[in-house]
Amino acid sequence: MNVLHPELNFFGFLIPLSLAAGVIGFLTAWLTVGVLERLRLTRYVGNVSLFFIALAILLAGLTDWLVNLS
């Protein structure tokens, strides 16, 4: 794996780790907002769409940071 451009070999396809981290962050945010909507806690959030985008970006960055630690 190249340190400057880390990639994940997925059945012969090279996928950048930041893309994988972004997908994981997006799916985690989607699941989190879904649970919050199910529990009716999104009524305390002013704009749910903006909250979802901010949470997805935050979780994608956190996942990317955790993946690149090793």
Protein backbone atom coordinates (compact mmCIF):
# COMPACT_ATOMS: atom_id res chain seq x y z
CA MET A 1 0.00 0.00 0.00
CA ASN A 2 1.33 3.40 -0.94
CA VAL A 3 1.45 5.78 2.03
CA LEU A 4 0.63 8.87 -0.01
CA HIS A 5 -2.33 7.29 -1.81
CA PRO A 6 -3.72 4.45 0.33
CA GLU A 7 -5.98 2.12 -1.63
CA LEU A 8 -8.06 -0.91 -0.80
CA ASN A 9 -7.84 -3.90 -3.15
CA PHE A 10 -11.43 -5.12 -3.56
CA PHE A 11 -11.57 -8.07 -5.99
CA GLY A 12 -8.98 -6.46 -8.23
CA PHE A 13 -10.46 -2.96 -8.07
CA LEU A 14 -8.42 -0.32 -6.27
CA ILE A 15 -10.68 1.82 -4.11
CA PRO A 16 -9.27 4.88 -2.29
CA LEU A 17 -9.60 4.57 1.47
CA SER A 18 -11.12 8.03 1.69
CA LEU A 19 -13.95 6.88 -0.59
CA ALA A 20 -14.55 3.83 1.58
CA ALA A 21 -14.48 6.05 4.69
CA GLY A 22 -16.97 8.42 3.06
CA VAL A 23 -19.36 5.58 2.26
CA ILE A 24 -19.08 4.22 5.81
CA GLY A 25 -19.67 7.71 7.24
CA PHE A 26 -22.69 8.25 4.97
CA LEU A 27 -24.25 4.91 5.89
CA THR A 28 -23.63 5.47 9.60
CA ALA A 29 -25.21 8.93 9.44
CA TRP A 30 -28.16 7.52 7.51
CA LEU A 31 -28.67 4.82 10.12
CA THR A 32 -28.33 7.35 12.96
CA VAL A 33 -30.86 9.76 11.47
CA GLY A 34 -33.21 6.85 10.79
CA VAL A 35 -33.06 5.77 14.42
CA LEU A 36 -33.55 9.36 15.58
CA GLU A 37 -36.61 9.68 13.32
CA ARG A 38 -37.97 6.38 14.58
CA LEU A 39 -37.63 7.59 18.17
CA ARG A 40 -39.13 10.97 17.18
CA LEU A 41 -36.05 12.84 18.39
CA THR A 42 -35.58 14.79 15.16
CA ARG A 43 -38.22 17.25 16.27
CA TYR A 44 -35.50 18.83 18.43
CA VAL A 45 -33.30 19.39 15.36
CA GLY A 46 -34.00 22.58 13.44
CA ASN A 47 -33.16 21.30 9.96
CA VAL A 48 -32.89 17.51 9.63
CA SER A 49 -31.35 17.62 6.14
CA LEU A 50 -28.58 19.95 7.24
CA PHE A 51 -28.03 17.83 10.35
CA PHE A 52 -27.72 14.71 8.18
CA ILE A 53 -25.17 16.33 5.86
CA ALA A 54 -23.11 17.65 8.77
CA LEU A 55 -23.23 14.29 10.55
CA ALA A 56 -22.22 12.44 7.37
CA ILE A 57 -19.23 14.76 6.85
CA LEU A 58 -18.22 14.47 10.50
CA LEU A 59 -18.44 10.67 10.52
CA ALA A 60 -16.66 10.36 7.17
CA GLY A 61 -13.79 12.49 8.45
CA LEU A 62 -13.64 10.55 11.71
CA THR A 63 -13.63 7.23 9.85
CA ASP A 64 -10.94 8.46 7.46
CA TRP A 65 -8.83 9.63 10.39
CA LEU A 66 -9.23 6.29 12.20
CA VAL A 67 -8.37 4.29 9.07
CA ASN A 68 -5.25 6.34 8.36
CA LEU A 69 -3.91 6.04 11.92
CA SER A 70 -2.32 2.66 11.29
